[in-house]
């Protein structure tokens, strides 16, 4: 599958599910004003999937990075001031770990055949589930961490693109698969917690 296709199909599936009435609680969990705002973000993401801008002869920008930046700012608006320091610390750790995993893959040929950056991303998602209780906090860490990692990667001297490439279709795929996985795990854990609470109440 070509890079970017997985993300586009994921976004298209989410748009279809939203239009048909699914995920009624998701806008509230994200701190969004309405389902229409969520649909607007998804439609903007679908456009971002296929657009790259040549900023200069040596700088290319995947528009998904701009979407990611504004999505992160929107999520951070709903983070309580008392939690912003912990969220900021977590996302910086997330971003640097993601960046270092990518650099190791570029620097050491021994890692070429192992999806180190994807493995690191899965580990960080699990860690995010442990350090943040709410979905908006968890996605703030994920989006802010990936944004940090992508920017650091674009400035790395180990880049093999011959210029500054800010974001890519591969990063876009990783972002959307990670966001869907994190959201799904959040709801599974919430369901399990409710079931456990009801079970204990019956004892």
C-alpha atoms as a PDB file:
ATOM      1  CA  UNK A   1       0.000   0.000   0.000  1.00  0.00           C
ATOM      2  CA  UNK A   2       1.360   3.398  -0.975  1.00  0.00           C
ATOM      3  CA  UNK A   3       2.234   5.806   1.866  1.00  0.00           C
ATOM      4  CA  UNK A   4      -0.699   8.021   2.777  1.00  0.00           C
ATOM      5  CA  UNK A   5      -3.392   5.616   1.612  1.00  0.00           C
ATOM      6  CA  UNK A   6      -3.903   4.044   5.060  1.00  0.00           C
ATOM      7  CA  UNK A   7      -4.440   7.457   6.636  1.00  0.00           C
ATOM      8  CA  UNK A   8      -6.846   8.582   3.900  1.00  0.00           C
ATOM      9  CA  UNK A   9      -8.920   5.397   4.198  1.00  0.00           C
ATOM     10  CA  UNK A  10      -8.966   5.741   7.993  1.00  0.00           C
ATOM     11  CA  UNK A  11     -10.203   9.336   7.756  1.00  0.00           C
ATOM     12  CA  UNK A  12     -12.804   8.388   5.140  1.00  0.00           C
ATOM     13  CA  UNK A  13     -14.072   5.572   7.379  1.00  0.00           C
ATOM     14  CA  UNK A  14     -14.338   7.949  10.348  1.00  0.00           C
ATOM     15  CA  UNK A  15     -16.235  10.514   8.246  1.00  0.00           C
ATOM     16  CA  UNK A  16     -18.678   7.809   7.102  1.00  0.00           C
ATOM     17  CA  UNK A  17     -19.220   6.564  10.648  1.00  0.00           C
ATOM     18  CA  UNK A  18     -19.705  10.093  11.963  1.00  0.00           C
ATOM     19  CA  UNK A  19     -22.252  10.983   9.246  1.00  0.00           C
ATOM     20  CA  UNK A  20     -24.216   7.801   9.977  1.00  0.00           C
ATOM     21  CA  UNK A  21     -24.494   8.633  13.665  1.00  0.00           C
ATOM     22  CA  UNK A  22     -21.653   6.722  15.304  1.00  0.00           C
ATOM     23  CA  UNK A  23     -19.274   8.050  17.977  1.00  0.00           C
ATOM     24  CA  UNK A  24     -21.855  10.295  19.603  1.00  0.00           C
ATOM     25  CA  UNK A  25     -19.667  10.652  22.725  1.00  0.00           C
ATOM     26  CA  UNK A  26     -16.411  11.312  20.915  1.00  0.00           C
ATOM     27  CA  UNK A  27     -16.785  15.115  20.462  1.00  0.00           C
ATOM     28  CA  UNK A  28     -17.477  15.470  24.202  1.00  0.00           C
ATOM     29  CA  UNK A  29     -14.500  13.281  25.108  1.00  0.00           C
ATOM     30  CA  UNK A  30     -12.280  15.447  22.897  1.00  0.00           C
ATOM     31  CA  UNK A  31     -13.619  18.695  24.329  1.00  0.00           C
ATOM     32  CA  UNK A  32     -15.057  19.779  20.968  1.00  0.00           C
ATOM     33  CA  UNK A  33     -18.098  22.011  20.737  1.00  0.00           C
ATOM     34  CA  UNK A  34     -20.182  19.638  18.595  1.00  0.00           C
ATOM     35  CA  UNK A  35     -20.205  16.720  16.204  1.00  0.00           C
ATOM     36  CA  UNK A  36     -20.046  19.209  13.361  1.00  0.00           C
ATOM     37  CA  UNK A  37     -16.706  20.496  14.613  1.00  0.00           C
ATOM     38  CA  UNK A  38     -15.373  16.933  14.662  1.00  0.00           C
ATOM     39  CA  UNK A  39     -16.656  16.417  11.111  1.00  0.00           C
ATOM     40  CA  UNK A  40     -14.946  19.642  10.027  1.00  0.00           C
ATOM     41  CA  UNK A  41     -11.621  18.467  11.446  1.00  0.00           C
ATOM     42  CA  UNK A  42     -12.003  15.128   9.640  1.00  0.00           C
ATOM     43  CA  UNK A  43     -12.828  16.804   6.316  1.00  0.00           C
ATOM     44  CA  UNK A  44      -9.807  19.092   6.700  1.00  0.00           C
ATOM     45  CA  UNK A  45      -7.661  16.041   7.432  1.00  0.00           C
ATOM     46  CA  UNK A  46      -8.872  14.284   4.282  1.00  0.00           C
ATOM     47  CA  UNK A  47      -7.670  17.229   2.182  1.00  0.00           C
ATOM     48  CA  UNK A  48      -4.379  17.375   4.086  1.00  0.00           C
ATOM     49  CA  UNK A  49      -3.693  13.745   3.207  1.00  0.00           C
ATOM     50  CA  UNK A  50      -2.857  14.464  -0.406  1.00  0.00           C
ATOM     51  CA  UNK A  51      -1.325  17.951  -0.381  1.00  0.00           C
ATOM     52  CA  UNK A  52       2.370  18.823  -0.217  1.00  0.00           C
ATOM     53  CA  UNK A  53       3.688  22.360  -0.602  1.00  0.00           C
ATOM     54  CA  UNK A  54       7.085  23.301  -1.977  1.00  0.00           C
ATOM     55  CA  UNK A  55       8.065  26.187   0.285  1.00  0.00           C
ATOM     56  CA  UNK A  56      11.444  26.657  -1.413  1.00  0.00           C
ATOM     57  CA  UNK A  57      13.732  24.570  -3.653  1.00  0.00           C
ATOM     58  CA  UNK A  58      15.033  22.807  -0.540  1.00  0.00           C
ATOM     59  CA  UNK A  59      11.968  22.805   1.753  1.00  0.00           C
ATOM     60  CA  UNK A  60       8.850  20.664   1.316  1.00  0.00           C
ATOM     61  CA  UNK A  61       5.896  20.733   3.710  1.00  0.00           C
ATOM     62  CA  UNK A  62       3.269  18.030   4.029  1.00  0.00           C
ATOM     63  CA  UNK A  63       0.037  19.918   4.820  1.00  0.00           C
ATOM     64  CA  UNK A  64      -0.827  17.253   7.387  1.00  0.00           C
ATOM     65  CA  UNK A  65       1.774  18.864   9.652  1.00  0.00           C
ATOM     66  CA  UNK A  66      -0.251  22.092   9.659  1.00  0.00           C
ATOM     67  CA  UNK A  67      -3.395  20.101  10.469  1.00  0.00           C
ATOM     68  CA  UNK A  68      -1.509  18.367  13.273  1.00  0.00           C
ATOM     69  CA  UNK A  69      -0.299  21.694  14.663  1.00  0.00           C
ATOM     70  CA  UNK A  70      -3.786  23.231  14.795  1.00  0.00           C
ATOM     71  CA  UNK A  71      -5.338  20.012  16.134  1.00  0.00           C
ATOM     72  CA  UNK A  72      -2.764  20.024  18.939  1.00  0.00           C
ATOM     73  CA  UNK A  73      -3.556  23.659  19.794  1.00  0.00           C
ATOM     74  CA  UNK A  74      -7.296  22.895  19.810  1.00  0.00           C
ATOM     75  CA  UNK A  75      -6.823  19.938  22.141  1.00  0.00           C
ATOM     76  CA  UNK A  76      -4.546  21.923  24.447  1.00  0.00           C
ATOM     77  CA  UNK A  77      -7.268  24.574  24.868  1.00  0.00           C
ATOM     78  CA  UNK A  78      -9.288  22.019  26.817  1.00  0.00           C
ATOM     79  CA  UNK A  79      -6.409  20.863  29.017  1.00  0.00           C
ATOM     80  CA  UNK A  80      -6.757  22.323  32.547  1.00  0.00           C
ATOM     81  CA  UNK A  81      -3.945  24.676  33.522  1.00  0.00           C
ATOM     82  CA  UNK A  82      -3.051  22.354  36.392  1.00  0.00           C
ATOM     83  CA  UNK A  83      -2.337  19.541  33.900  1.00  0.00           C
ATOM     84  CA  UNK A  84      -0.441  21.487  31.238  1.00  0.00           C
ATOM     85  CA  UNK A  85       2.985  21.056  32.797  1.00  0.00           C
ATOM     86  CA  UNK A  86       2.608  17.275  33.045  1.00  0.00           C
ATOM     87  CA  UNK A  87       1.166  17.061  29.518  1.00  0.00           C
ATOM     88  CA  UNK A  88       4.006  19.233  28.181  1.00  0.00           C
ATOM     89  CA  UNK A  89       6.643  17.099  29.883  1.00  0.00           C
ATOM     90  CA  UNK A  90       5.055  13.884  28.564  1.00  0.00           C
ATOM     91  CA  UNK A  91       4.782  15.121  24.992  1.00  0.00           C
ATOM     92  CA  UNK A  92       8.408  16.294  24.954  1.00  0.00           C
ATOM     93  CA  UNK A  93       9.509  12.853  26.139  1.00  0.00           C
ATOM     94  CA  UNK A  94       7.236  11.301  23.502  1.00  0.00           C
ATOM     95  CA  UNK A  95       8.632  13.540  20.750  1.00  0.00           C
ATOM     96  CA  UNK A  96      12.296  12.995  21.576  1.00  0.00           C
ATOM     97  CA  UNK A  97      11.829   9.215  21.868  1.00  0.00           C
ATOM     98  CA  UNK A  98      10.037   9.120  18.501  1.00  0.00           C
ATOM     99  CA  UNK A  99      12.785  11.245  16.942  1.00  0.00           C
ATOM    100  CA  UNK A 100      15.628   9.135  18.362  1.00  0.00           C
ATOM    101  CA  UNK A 101      13.997   5.912  17.139  1.00  0.00           C
ATOM    102  CA  UNK A 102      13.842   7.380  13.638  1.00  0.00           C
ATOM    103  CA  UNK A 103      17.446   8.542  13.825  1.00  0.00           C
ATOM    104  CA  UNK A 104      18.663   5.103  14.886  1.00  0.00           C
ATOM    105  CA  UNK A 105      16.917   3.605  11.890  1.00  0.00           C
ATOM    106  CA  UNK A 106      18.758   6.070   9.617  1.00  0.00           C
ATOM    107  CA  UNK A 107      22.124   5.849  11.353  1.00  0.00           C
ATOM    108  CA  UNK A 108      22.520   2.146  12.096  1.00  0.00           C
ATOM    109  CA  UNK A 109      21.945  -0.298   9.201  1.00  0.00           C
ATOM    110  CA  UNK A 110      21.177  -3.027  11.736  1.00  0.00           C
ATOM    111  CA  UNK A 111      17.804  -1.356  12.408  1.00  0.00           C
ATOM    112  CA  UNK A 112      16.764  -0.964   8.752  1.00  0.00           C
ATOM    113  CA  UNK A 113      14.761  -4.204   8.610  1.00  0.00           C
ATOM    114  CA  UNK A 114      13.147  -3.659  12.025  1.00  0.00           C
ATOM    115  CA  UNK A 115      10.287  -1.115  12.310  1.00  0.00           C
ATOM    116  CA  UNK A 116      11.924   0.577  15.289  1.00  0.00           C
ATOM    117  CA  UNK A 117      10.009   3.848  15.011  1.00  0.00           C
ATOM    118  CA  UNK A 118       6.664   2.040  14.810  1.00  0.00           C
ATOM    119  CA  UNK A 119       7.613  -0.179  17.746  1.00  0.00           C
ATOM    120  CA  UNK A 120       8.600   2.919  19.729  1.00  0.00           C
ATOM    121  CA  UNK A 121       5.291   4.574  18.813  1.00  0.00           C
ATOM    122  CA  UNK A 122       3.293   1.576  20.063  1.00  0.00           C
ATOM    123  CA  UNK A 123       5.265   1.610  23.336  1.00  0.00           C
ATOM    124  CA  UNK A 124       4.670   5.357  23.769  1.00  0.00           C
ATOM    125  CA  UNK A 125       0.935   4.954  23.181  1.00  0.00           C
ATOM    126  CA  UNK A 126       0.831   2.369  25.960  1.00  0.00           C
ATOM    127  CA  UNK A 127       2.758   4.729  28.215  1.00  0.00           C
ATOM    128  CA  UNK A 128       0.365   7.571  27.394  1.00  0.00           C
ATOM    129  CA  UNK A 129      -2.556   5.414  28.543  1.00  0.00           C
ATOM    130  CA  UNK A 130      -0.829   5.077  31.920  1.00  0.00           C
ATOM    131  CA  UNK A 131       0.094   8.716  32.518  1.00  0.00           C
ATOM    132  CA  UNK A 132      -3.103  10.493  31.391  1.00  0.00           C
ATOM    133  CA  UNK A 133      -6.669   9.608  32.462  1.00  0.00           C
ATOM    134  CA  UNK A 134      -8.706  11.503  29.835  1.00  0.00           C
ATOM    135  CA  UNK A 135      -8.890  11.144  26.068  1.00  0.00           C
ATOM    136  CA  UNK A 136      -8.207  14.824  25.360  1.00  0.00           C
ATOM    137  CA  UNK A 137      -5.070  14.680  27.535  1.00  0.00           C
ATOM    138  CA  UNK A 138      -3.917  11.477  25.870  1.00  0.00           C
ATOM    139  CA  UNK A 139      -4.397  12.842  22.357  1.00  0.00           C
ATOM    140  CA  UNK A 140      -2.702  16.111  23.333  1.00  0.00           C
ATOM    141  CA  UNK A 141       0.391  14.106  24.286  1.00  0.00           C
ATOM    142  CA  UNK A 142       0.220  12.048  21.097  1.00  0.00           C
ATOM    143  CA  UNK A 143      -0.295  14.954  18.683  1.00  0.00           C
ATOM    144  CA  UNK A 144       2.193  17.237  20.448  1.00  0.00           C
ATOM    145  CA  UNK A 145       4.759  14.454  20.713  1.00  0.00           C
ATOM    146  CA  UNK A 146       4.485  13.485  17.060  1.00  0.00           C
ATOM    147  CA  UNK A 147       4.656  17.132  16.011  1.00  0.00           C
ATOM    148  CA  UNK A 148       7.856  17.551  18.034  1.00  0.00           C
ATOM    149  CA  UNK A 149       9.340  14.369  16.582  1.00  0.00           C
ATOM    150  CA  UNK A 150       8.478  15.325  13.002  1.00  0.00           C
ATOM    151  CA  UNK A 151      10.021  18.792  13.345  1.00  0.00           C
ATOM    152  CA  UNK A 152      13.195  17.385  14.896  1.00  0.00           C
ATOM    153  CA  UNK A 153      13.414  14.742  12.142  1.00  0.00           C
ATOM    154  CA  UNK A 154      13.057  17.388   9.427  1.00  0.00           C
ATOM    155  CA  UNK A 155      16.031  19.305  10.869  1.00  0.00           C
ATOM    156  CA  UNK A 156      18.213  16.220  11.287  1.00  0.00           C
ATOM    157  CA  UNK A 157      21.504  16.138   9.349  1.00  0.00           C
ATOM    158  CA  UNK A 158      20.926  12.398   8.868  1.00  0.00           C
ATOM    159  CA  UNK A 159      17.968  13.039   6.551  1.00  0.00           C
ATOM    160  CA  UNK A 160      18.457  11.259   3.240  1.00  0.00           C
ATOM    161  CA  UNK A 161      16.069  13.461   1.254  1.00  0.00           C
ATOM    162  CA  UNK A 162      18.692  16.025   0.287  1.00  0.00           C
ATOM    163  CA  UNK A 163      16.679  18.912   1.748  1.00  0.00           C
ATOM    164  CA  UNK A 164      14.315  19.854   4.539  1.00  0.00           C
ATOM    165  CA  UNK A 165      11.165  17.749   4.344  1.00  0.00           C
ATOM    166  CA  UNK A 166       8.662  18.659   7.056  1.00  0.00           C
ATOM    167  CA  UNK A 167       6.351  15.705   7.464  1.00  0.00           C
ATOM    168  CA  UNK A 168       5.603  12.926   5.008  1.00  0.00           C
ATOM    169  CA  UNK A 169       2.883  10.521   3.975  1.00  0.00           C
ATOM    170  CA  UNK A 170       4.553   7.861   6.128  1.00  0.00           C
ATOM    171  CA  UNK A 171       4.320  10.086   9.222  1.00  0.00           C
ATOM    172  CA  UNK A 172       0.698  10.880   8.305  1.00  0.00           C
ATOM    173  CA  UNK A 173      -0.139   7.155   8.223  1.00  0.00           C
ATOM    174  CA  UNK A 174       1.568   6.620  11.558  1.00  0.00           C
ATOM    175  CA  UNK A 175      -0.297   9.557  13.092  1.00  0.00           C
ATOM    176  CA  UNK A 176      -3.769   8.373  12.102  1.00  0.00           C
ATOM    177  CA  UNK A 177      -3.223   4.736  12.947  1.00  0.00           C
ATOM    178  CA  UNK A 178      -1.854   5.852  16.331  1.00  0.00           C
ATOM    179  CA  UNK A 179      -4.757   8.213  17.041  1.00  0.00           C
ATOM    180  CA  UNK A 180      -7.330   5.561  16.155  1.00  0.00           C
ATOM    181  CA  UNK A 181      -5.503   2.938  18.235  1.00  0.00           C
ATOM    182  CA  UNK A 182      -5.232   5.281  21.226  1.00  0.00           C
ATOM    183  CA  UNK A 183      -8.910   6.282  21.006  1.00  0.00           C
ATOM    184  CA  UNK A 184     -10.034   2.661  20.676  1.00  0.00           C
ATOM    185  CA  UNK A 185      -7.899   1.556  23.637  1.00  0.00           C
ATOM    186  CA  UNK A 186      -9.207   4.480  25.705  1.00  0.00           C
ATOM    187  CA  UNK A 187     -12.826   3.407  25.116  1.00  0.00           C
ATOM    188  CA  UNK A 188     -12.043  -0.276  25.758  1.00  0.00           C
ATOM    189  CA  UNK A 189     -10.393   0.607  29.065  1.00  0.00           C
ATOM    190  CA  UNK A 190     -13.297   2.897  30.000  1.00  0.00           C
ATOM    191  CA  UNK A 191     -15.788   0.099  29.228  1.00  0.00           C
ATOM    192  CA  UNK A 192     -13.766  -2.397  31.299  1.00  0.00           C
ATOM    193  CA  UNK A 193     -13.564   0.072  34.192  1.00  0.00           C
ATOM    194  CA  UNK A 194     -17.346   0.575  34.167  1.00  0.00           C
ATOM    195  CA  UNK A 195     -17.941  -3.186  34.093  1.00  0.00           C
ATOM    196  CA  UNK A 196     -15.529  -3.679  37.003  1.00  0.00           C
ATOM    197  CA  UNK A 197     -17.231  -0.919  39.006  1.00  0.00           C
ATOM    198  CA  UNK A 198     -20.661  -2.481  38.455  1.00  0.00           C
ATOM    199  CA  UNK A 199     -19.318  -5.918  39.377  1.00  0.00           C
ATOM    200  CA  UNK A 200     -17.845  -4.600  42.635  1.00  0.00           C
ATOM    201  CA  UNK A 201     -21.109  -2.772  43.417  1.00  0.00           C
ATOM    202  CA  UNK A 202     -22.990  -6.078  43.244  1.00  0.00           C
ATOM    203  CA  UNK A 203     -20.663  -7.782  45.722  1.00  0.00           C
END
